[in-house]
Amino acid sequence: MSIQLDGILRQDEFGVWRVSGTRVTLDSLVYSFWEGCSAETIAD
């Protein structure tokens, strides 16, 4: 079963949250932010 959150995030069949339309995981984005990366750096 797959869950989608307002078209921005989706939960795949394994329970992993990903950015919709990509293979990028939500936890990788959060980790990068905690490490001090800017939004622009993360987007690259």
C-alpha atoms as a PDB file:
ATOM      1  CA  MET A   1       0.000   0.000   0.000  1.00  0.00           C
ATOM      2  CA  SER A   2       1.263   3.462  -0.885  1.00  0.00           C
ATOM      3  CA  ILE A   3       0.310   6.679   0.909  1.00  0.00           C
ATOM      4  CA  GLN A   4       0.685  10.157  -0.595  1.00  0.00           C
ATOM      5  CA  LEU A   5       0.864  13.439   1.324  1.00  0.00           C
ATOM      6  CA  ASP A   6      -0.413  16.455  -0.631  1.00  0.00           C
ATOM      7  CA  GLY A   7       1.578  15.453  -3.714  1.00  0.00           C
ATOM      8  CA  ILE A   8       4.876  16.380  -2.021  1.00  0.00           C
ATOM      9  CA  LEU A   9       5.697  13.211  -0.112  1.00  0.00           C
ATOM     10  CA  ARG A  10       4.724   9.608  -0.602  1.00  0.00           C
ATOM     11  CA  GLN A  11       5.204   6.474   1.421  1.00  0.00           C
ATOM     12  CA  ASP A  12       6.334   3.534  -0.691  1.00  0.00           C
ATOM     13  CA  GLU A  13       5.397  -0.118  -0.265  1.00  0.00           C
ATOM     14  CA  PHE A  14       8.274  -0.586   2.214  1.00  0.00           C
ATOM     15  CA  GLY A  15       7.156   2.285   4.458  1.00  0.00           C
ATOM     16  CA  VAL A  16       9.901   4.663   3.316  1.00  0.00           C
ATOM     17  CA  TRP A  17       8.908   8.325   2.874  1.00  0.00           C
ATOM     18  CA  ARG A  18      10.139   9.784  -0.416  1.00  0.00           C
ATOM     19  CA  VAL A  19       9.813  13.038  -2.311  1.00  0.00           C
ATOM     20  CA  SER A  20       7.087  12.407  -4.887  1.00  0.00           C
ATOM     21  CA  GLY A  21       8.382  11.665  -8.361  1.00  0.00           C
ATOM     22  CA  THR A  22      11.919  10.932  -7.117  1.00  0.00           C
ATOM     23  CA  ARG A  23      13.902   8.247  -5.311  1.00  0.00           C
ATOM     24  CA  VAL A  24      15.045  10.805  -2.684  1.00  0.00           C
ATOM     25  CA  THR A  25      14.172   9.785   0.868  1.00  0.00           C
ATOM     26  CA  LEU A  26      12.822  12.222   3.423  1.00  0.00           C
ATOM     27  CA  ASP A  27      15.404  11.165   5.995  1.00  0.00           C
ATOM     28  CA  SER A  28      18.258  12.011   3.598  1.00  0.00           C
ATOM     29  CA  LEU A  29      16.859  15.529   3.210  1.00  0.00           C
ATOM     30  CA  VAL A  30      16.493  15.986   6.969  1.00  0.00           C
ATOM     31  CA  TYR A  31      20.010  14.660   7.605  1.00  0.00           C
ATOM     32  CA  SER A  32      21.482  17.070   5.035  1.00  0.00           C
ATOM     33  CA  PHE A  33      19.625  19.963   6.664  1.00  0.00           C
ATOM     34  CA  TRP A  34      20.894  18.970  10.122  1.00  0.00           C
ATOM     35  CA  GLU A  35      24.416  18.863   8.692  1.00  0.00           C
ATOM     36  CA  GLY A  36      24.038  22.527   7.732  1.00  0.00           C
ATOM     37  CA  CYS A  37      23.281  22.292   4.028  1.00  0.00           C
ATOM     38  CA  SER A  38      21.178  25.054   2.538  1.00  0.00           C
ATOM     39  CA  ALA A  39      18.030  24.299   0.569  1.00  0.00           C
ATOM     40  CA  GLU A  40      19.895  25.229  -2.617  1.00  0.00           C
ATOM     41  CA  THR A  41      22.720  22.799  -1.847  1.00  0.00           C
ATOM     42  CA  ILE A  42      20.302  19.996  -1.065  1.00  0.00           C
ATOM     43  CA  ALA A  43      18.414  20.642  -4.320  1.00  0.00           C
ATOM     44  CA  ASP A  44      21.630  20.233  -6.310  1.00  0.00           C
END
